[in-house]
Amino acid sequence: MKSRTTFAAQPRRNRFLARTLGTAAAGALAWAALAVGLPGGSHAEAGPAAAVADSAPGYAVENFDYPQADKILAEKNIVLKRGDGHITLADCVTGTGQLEVQARDKSKVCFDVKGNSGWLTLELPSVYLIRGNDYTTEAEMTVGTEEQSYDITKNAWTPVGESADDQAREWTLLELRTAK
C-alpha cells in the first residue's frame, strides 16, 4: 500500500514542480525585460511621451469645495462651502424625500441626499425649522460663539435655532450630516 501511494503522489509532485519552475522562469524573464527595456526603445528616448505629458491637463485633486458656489451665492444668496457631493442644493419638489430648511430671510431651501452618508458645510442665517427625510440627519448651528447640534426627526419638521432658543436669537446653519 505504501509503494502505491508513493507512485501516485510522484506524478502530481512532478507536475507541481514543473508548473512552479515554469511560473518562476516566466516571472524572471518579465523582470529582466523591464530592467533592460523593450526591444526597439530605450529609457533615454522619452521625447514623444514628454511632449504629450507637457500638453496634457494636470491631475484632478479633490478639495471638496462646493461646485459653482460663487454662482449660487450671487443668484440665491446661499453660502455653500464644502461637501462630499451626497448633499446637494436642489429646487424644492414636494414628495421627493428632500431635506427642507426654513429660514426667516428666505423661502424654503431644499437639498437632495444620495448615498449611504453625506456632509455639507454652509452658512444659512435665521434657520428655524428643518424637515428630515429617510436619513438620520444632524444639523450644526451657531449664534455668536455658542454652537448647538440638533438631531433632525425623520420625515417630520424639527424646530431648530431661534424656534428652539429661549431667547429667540438668530442661529446660522453651519453643517448638515446624513447617514442611512
C-alpha atoms as a PDB file:
ATOM      1  CA  MET A   1       0.000   0.000   0.000  1.00  0.00           C
ATOM      2  CA  LYS A   2       2.838   2.378   0.802  1.00  0.00           C
ATOM      3  CA  SER A   3       4.502   1.935  -2.554  1.00  0.00           C
ATOM      4  CA  ARG A   4       1.248   2.576  -4.339  1.00  0.00           C
ATOM      5  CA  THR A   5       0.750   5.874  -2.517  1.00  0.00           C
ATOM      6  CA  THR A   6       4.298   6.892  -3.360  1.00  0.00           C
ATOM      7  CA  PHE A   7       3.833   6.148  -7.066  1.00  0.00           C
ATOM      8  CA  ALA A   8       0.516   8.011  -7.201  1.00  0.00           C
ATOM      9  CA  ALA A   9       1.964  11.083  -5.475  1.00  0.00           C
ATOM     10  CA  GLN A  10       5.082  11.284  -7.660  1.00  0.00           C
ATOM     11  CA  PRO A  11       3.384  12.345 -10.934  1.00  0.00           C
ATOM     12  CA  ARG A  12       1.429  15.047  -9.054  1.00  0.00           C
ATOM     13  CA  ARG A  13       4.601  16.258  -7.386  1.00  0.00           C
ATOM     14  CA  ASN A  14       6.423  16.340 -10.741  1.00  0.00           C
ATOM     15  CA  ARG A  15       3.587  18.332 -12.343  1.00  0.00           C
ATOM     16  CA  PHE A  16       3.556  20.730  -9.408  1.00  0.00           C
ATOM     17  CA  LEU A  17       7.329  21.273  -9.618  1.00  0.00           C
ATOM     18  CA  ALA A  18       7.184  21.766 -13.398  1.00  0.00           C
ATOM     19  CA  ARG A  19       4.423  24.376 -13.077  1.00  0.00           C
ATOM     20  CA  THR A  20       6.214  26.175 -10.254  1.00  0.00           C
ATOM     21  CA  LEU A  21       9.515  26.293 -12.141  1.00  0.00           C
ATOM     22  CA  GLY A  22       7.732  27.444 -15.323  1.00  0.00           C
ATOM     23  CA  THR A  23       5.990  30.262 -13.461  1.00  0.00           C
ATOM     24  CA  ALA A  24       9.238  31.327 -11.794  1.00  0.00           C
ATOM     25  CA  ALA A  25      11.051  31.351 -15.157  1.00  0.00           C
ATOM     26  CA  ALA A  26       8.295  33.445 -16.778  1.00  0.00           C
ATOM     27  CA  GLY A  27       8.424  35.909 -13.885  1.00  0.00           C
ATOM     28  CA  ALA A  28      12.208  36.182 -14.115  1.00  0.00           C
ATOM     29  CA  LEU A  29      12.004  36.857 -17.865  1.00  0.00           C
ATOM     30  CA  ALA A  30       9.376  39.546 -17.314  1.00  0.00           C
ATOM     31  CA  TRP A  31      11.522  41.303 -14.709  1.00  0.00           C
ATOM     32  CA  ALA A  32      14.552  41.048 -16.968  1.00  0.00           C
ATOM     33  CA  ALA A  33      12.602  42.623 -19.847  1.00  0.00           C
ATOM     34  CA  LEU A  34      11.527  45.501 -17.618  1.00  0.00           C
ATOM     35  CA  ALA A  35      15.047  46.049 -16.315  1.00  0.00           C
ATOM     36  CA  VAL A  36      16.665  46.056 -19.774  1.00  0.00           C
ATOM     37  CA  GLY A  37      13.808  47.713 -21.653  1.00  0.00           C
ATOM     38  CA  LEU A  38      11.676  46.570 -24.517  1.00  0.00           C
ATOM     39  CA  PRO A  39      13.322  45.928 -27.901  1.00  0.00           C
ATOM     40  CA  GLY A  40      13.428  48.960 -30.180  1.00  0.00           C
ATOM     41  CA  GLY A  41      13.316  51.502 -27.392  1.00  0.00           C
ATOM     42  CA  SER A  42      15.351  52.775 -24.508  1.00  0.00           C
ATOM     43  CA  HIS A  43      14.758  54.808 -21.409  1.00  0.00           C
ATOM     44  CA  ALA A  44      16.593  57.791 -22.903  1.00  0.00           C
ATOM     45  CA  GLU A  45      14.103  58.144 -25.787  1.00  0.00           C
ATOM     46  CA  ALA A  46      11.251  59.727 -23.825  1.00  0.00           C
ATOM     47  CA  GLY A  47      10.729  62.630 -26.233  1.00  0.00           C
ATOM     48  CA  PRO A  48       7.221  61.858 -27.548  1.00  0.00           C
ATOM     49  CA  ALA A  49       5.949  60.858 -24.119  1.00  0.00           C
ATOM     50  CA  ALA A  50       7.378  64.016 -22.582  1.00  0.00           C
ATOM     51  CA  ALA A  51       5.718  66.178 -25.244  1.00  0.00           C
ATOM     52  CA  VAL A  52       2.316  64.622 -24.549  1.00  0.00           C
ATOM     53  CA  ALA A  53       2.792  64.996 -20.817  1.00  0.00           C
ATOM     54  CA  ASP A  54       3.654  68.681 -21.231  1.00  0.00           C
ATOM     55  CA  SER A  55       0.475  69.442 -23.184  1.00  0.00           C
ATOM     56  CA  ALA A  56      -1.922  67.199 -21.244  1.00  0.00           C
ATOM     57  CA  PRO A  57      -4.009  68.582 -18.375  1.00  0.00           C
ATOM     58  CA  GLY A  58      -2.748  68.078 -14.842  1.00  0.00           C
ATOM     59  CA  TYR A  59      -4.132  65.713 -12.268  1.00  0.00           C
ATOM     60  CA  ALA A  60      -7.516  66.447 -10.727  1.00  0.00           C
ATOM     61  CA  VAL A  61      -7.273  66.873  -6.977  1.00  0.00           C
ATOM     62  CA  GLU A  62     -10.492  66.746  -4.954  1.00  0.00           C
ATOM     63  CA  ASN A  63     -10.664  69.564  -2.431  1.00  0.00           C
ATOM     64  CA  PHE A  64     -14.381  69.058  -1.601  1.00  0.00           C
ATOM     65  CA  ASP A  65     -15.254  72.706  -2.415  1.00  0.00           C
ATOM     66  CA  TYR A  66     -18.888  73.019  -3.468  1.00  0.00           C
ATOM     67  CA  PRO A  67     -19.052  73.392  -7.281  1.00  0.00           C
ATOM     68  CA  GLN A  68     -20.312  76.761  -8.572  1.00  0.00           C
ATOM     69  CA  ALA A  69     -20.632  78.114  -5.024  1.00  0.00           C
ATOM     70  CA  ASP A  70     -19.947  81.678  -6.238  1.00  0.00           C
ATOM     71  CA  LYS A  71     -22.784  81.473  -8.768  1.00  0.00           C
ATOM     72  CA  ILE A  72     -25.199  80.100  -6.141  1.00  0.00           C
ATOM     73  CA  LEU A  73     -24.199  82.874  -3.733  1.00  0.00           C
ATOM     74  CA  ALA A  74     -24.831  85.538  -6.394  1.00  0.00           C
ATOM     75  CA  GLU A  75     -28.165  84.068  -7.533  1.00  0.00           C
ATOM     76  CA  LYS A  76     -29.696  82.717  -4.303  1.00  0.00           C
ATOM     77  CA  ASN A  77     -27.630  84.380  -1.550  1.00  0.00           C
ATOM     78  CA  ILE A  78     -26.766  80.975  -0.027  1.00  0.00           C
ATOM     79  CA  VAL A  79     -23.180  80.267   1.047  1.00  0.00           C
ATOM     80  CA  LEU A  80     -22.282  76.641   0.223  1.00  0.00           C
ATOM     81  CA  LYS A  81     -18.719  75.837   1.282  1.00  0.00           C
ATOM     82  CA  ARG A  82     -17.668  72.214   1.115  1.00  0.00           C
ATOM     83  CA  GLY A  83     -19.161  68.749   0.940  1.00  0.00           C
ATOM     84  CA  ASP A  84     -18.723  65.205  -0.271  1.00  0.00           C
ATOM     85  CA  GLY A  85     -21.310  65.534  -3.061  1.00  0.00           C
ATOM     86  CA  HIS A  86     -24.001  63.466  -1.352  1.00  0.00           C
ATOM     87  CA  ILE A  87     -25.983  66.514  -0.147  1.00  0.00           C
ATOM     88  CA  THR A  88     -26.713  68.984  -2.951  1.00  0.00           C
ATOM     89  CA  LEU A  89     -28.815  72.128  -3.264  1.00  0.00           C
ATOM     90  CA  ALA A  90     -31.962  71.455  -5.304  1.00  0.00           C
ATOM     91  CA  ASP A  91     -35.204  73.052  -6.397  1.00  0.00           C
ATOM     92  CA  CYS A  92     -37.908  72.129  -3.890  1.00  0.00           C
ATOM     93  CA  VAL A  93     -40.222  69.379  -5.131  1.00  0.00           C
ATOM     94  CA  THR A  94     -42.872  68.005  -2.778  1.00  0.00           C
ATOM     95  CA  GLY A  95     -42.811  64.263  -2.104  1.00  0.00           C
ATOM     96  CA  THR A  96     -39.258  63.600  -3.319  1.00  0.00           C
ATOM     97  CA  GLY A  97     -37.608  62.910   0.055  1.00  0.00           C
ATOM     98  CA  GLN A  98     -35.577  66.115   0.168  1.00  0.00           C
ATOM     99  CA  LEU A  99     -34.202  67.788   3.279  1.00  0.00           C
ATOM    100  CA  GLU A 100     -36.130  71.045   3.648  1.00  0.00           C
ATOM    101  CA  VAL A 101     -34.825  74.064   5.559  1.00  0.00           C
ATOM    102  CA  GLN A 102     -36.924  77.078   6.590  1.00  0.00           C
ATOM    103  CA  ALA A 103     -35.080  80.353   7.140  1.00  0.00           C
ATOM    104  CA  ARG A 104     -36.705  83.652   8.076  1.00  0.00           C
ATOM    105  CA  ASP A 105     -34.955  85.626   5.330  1.00  0.00           C
ATOM    106  CA  LYS A 106     -35.602  83.087   2.541  1.00  0.00           C
ATOM    107  CA  SER A 107     -38.232  80.856   1.132  1.00  0.00           C
ATOM    108  CA  LYS A 108     -37.790  77.134   1.721  1.00  0.00           C
ATOM    109  CA  VAL A 109     -34.318  75.777   0.806  1.00  0.00           C
ATOM    110  CA  CYS A 110     -34.118  72.105  -0.248  1.00  0.00           C
ATOM    111  CA  PHE A 111     -31.327  69.561  -0.538  1.00  0.00           C
ATOM    112  CA  ASP A 112     -31.192  66.222  -2.349  1.00  0.00           C
ATOM    113  CA  VAL A 113     -29.461  63.456  -0.378  1.00  0.00           C
ATOM    114  CA  LYS A 114     -27.852  60.422  -2.038  1.00  0.00           C
ATOM    115  CA  GLY A 115     -25.614  57.547  -0.960  1.00  0.00           C
ATOM    116  CA  ASN A 116     -25.148  55.979   2.460  1.00  0.00           C
ATOM    117  CA  SER A 117     -23.882  59.145   4.138  1.00  0.00           C
ATOM    118  CA  GLY A 118     -23.113  62.750   3.334  1.00  0.00           C
ATOM    119  CA  TRP A 119     -21.955  66.095   4.678  1.00  0.00           C
ATOM    120  CA  LEU A 120     -22.222  69.703   3.605  1.00  0.00           C
ATOM    121  CA  THR A 121     -20.835  72.852   5.219  1.00  0.00           C
ATOM    122  CA  LEU A 122     -22.680  76.068   4.532  1.00  0.00           C
ATOM    123  CA  GLU A 123     -23.801  79.362   6.047  1.00  0.00           C
ATOM    124  CA  LEU A 124     -27.549  79.861   6.096  1.00  0.00           C
ATOM    125  CA  PRO A 125     -28.708  82.500   8.616  1.00  0.00           C
ATOM    126  CA  SER A 126     -32.003  82.684  10.530  1.00  0.00           C
ATOM    127  CA  VAL A 127     -32.866  78.974  10.216  1.00  0.00           C
ATOM    128  CA  TYR A 128     -35.751  77.931  12.457  1.00  0.00           C
ATOM    129  CA  LEU A 129     -37.134  74.629  11.024  1.00  0.00           C
ATOM    130  CA  ILE A 130     -35.681  71.594   9.227  1.00  0.00           C
ATOM    131  CA  ARG A 131     -37.760  68.773   7.757  1.00  0.00           C
ATOM    132  CA  GLY A 132     -35.916  65.468   7.750  1.00  0.00           C
ATOM    133  CA  ASN A 133     -36.165  62.696   5.182  1.00  0.00           C
ATOM    134  CA  ASP A 134     -35.447  58.943   5.388  1.00  0.00           C
ATOM    135  CA  TYR A 135     -31.867  59.627   6.527  1.00  0.00           C
ATOM    136  CA  THR A 136     -30.620  60.159  10.069  1.00  0.00           C
ATOM    137  CA  THR A 137     -29.720  63.850   9.939  1.00  0.00           C
ATOM    138  CA  GLU A 138     -27.716  66.094  12.236  1.00  0.00           C
ATOM    139  CA  ALA A 139     -27.570  69.891  11.910  1.00  0.00           C
ATOM    140  CA  GLU A 140     -24.796  72.030  13.405  1.00  0.00           C
ATOM    141  CA  MET A 141     -25.777  75.623  14.153  1.00  0.00           C
ATOM    142  CA  THR A 142     -24.213  78.667  15.791  1.00  0.00           C
ATOM    143  CA  VAL A 143     -25.123  82.006  17.311  1.00  0.00           C
ATOM    144  CA  GLY A 144     -22.224  84.230  18.399  1.00  0.00           C
ATOM    145  CA  THR A 145     -19.684  81.881  19.994  1.00  0.00           C
ATOM    146  CA  GLU A 146     -22.279  79.291  21.020  1.00  0.00           C
ATOM    147  CA  GLU A 147     -22.688  76.118  18.949  1.00  0.00           C
ATOM    148  CA  GLN A 148     -25.550  73.634  19.066  1.00  0.00           C
ATOM    149  CA  SER A 149     -26.129  70.273  17.405  1.00  0.00           C
ATOM    150  CA  TYR A 150     -29.674  69.153  16.534  1.00  0.00           C
ATOM    151  CA  ASP A 151     -30.874  65.647  15.685  1.00  0.00           C
ATOM    152  CA  ILE A 152     -33.475  66.075  12.944  1.00  0.00           C
ATOM    153  CA  THR A 153     -36.580  63.887  13.175  1.00  0.00           C
ATOM    154  CA  LYS A 154     -37.050  61.640  10.132  1.00  0.00           C
ATOM    155  CA  ASN A 155     -39.811  62.787   7.748  1.00  0.00           C
ATOM    156  CA  ALA A 156     -41.040  65.499  10.142  1.00  0.00           C
ATOM    157  CA  TRP A 157     -40.356  69.156  10.930  1.00  0.00           C
ATOM    158  CA  THR A 158     -37.877  69.752  13.759  1.00  0.00           C
ATOM    159  CA  PRO A 159     -37.640  73.147  15.492  1.00  0.00           C
ATOM    160  CA  VAL A 160     -34.024  74.342  15.451  1.00  0.00           C
ATOM    161  CA  GLY A 161     -32.169  77.592  16.016  1.00  0.00           C
ATOM    162  CA  GLU A 162     -34.306  80.514  17.087  1.00  0.00           C
ATOM    163  CA  SER A 163     -37.532  78.444  17.352  1.00  0.00           C
ATOM    164  CA  ALA A 164     -35.795  76.145  19.879  1.00  0.00           C
ATOM    165  CA  ASP A 165     -33.963  79.001  21.669  1.00  0.00           C
ATOM    166  CA  ASP A 166     -35.394  80.593  24.845  1.00  0.00           C
ATOM    167  CA  GLN A 167     -34.011  83.970  23.739  1.00  0.00           C
ATOM    168  CA  ALA A 168     -35.166  83.595  20.078  1.00  0.00           C
ATOM    169  CA  ARG A 169     -31.712  84.532  18.763  1.00  0.00           C
ATOM    170  CA  GLU A 170     -30.870  84.248  15.054  1.00  0.00           C
ATOM    171  CA  TRP A 171     -28.972  80.993  14.558  1.00  0.00           C
ATOM    172  CA  THR A 172     -26.913  80.175  11.466  1.00  0.00           C
ATOM    173  CA  LEU A 173     -26.914  76.678   9.970  1.00  0.00           C
ATOM    174  CA  LEU A 174     -23.270  75.613   9.501  1.00  0.00           C
ATOM    175  CA  GLU A 175     -23.336  71.915   8.633  1.00  0.00           C
ATOM    176  CA  LEU A 176     -25.631  69.071   7.631  1.00  0.00           C
ATOM    177  CA  ARG A 177     -24.633  65.413   8.132  1.00  0.00           C
ATOM    178  CA  THR A 178     -26.692  62.450   6.972  1.00  0.00           C
ATOM    179  CA  ALA A 179     -26.457  58.674   7.308  1.00  0.00           C
ATOM    180  CA  LYS A 180     -28.720  55.769   6.360  1.00  0.00           C
END
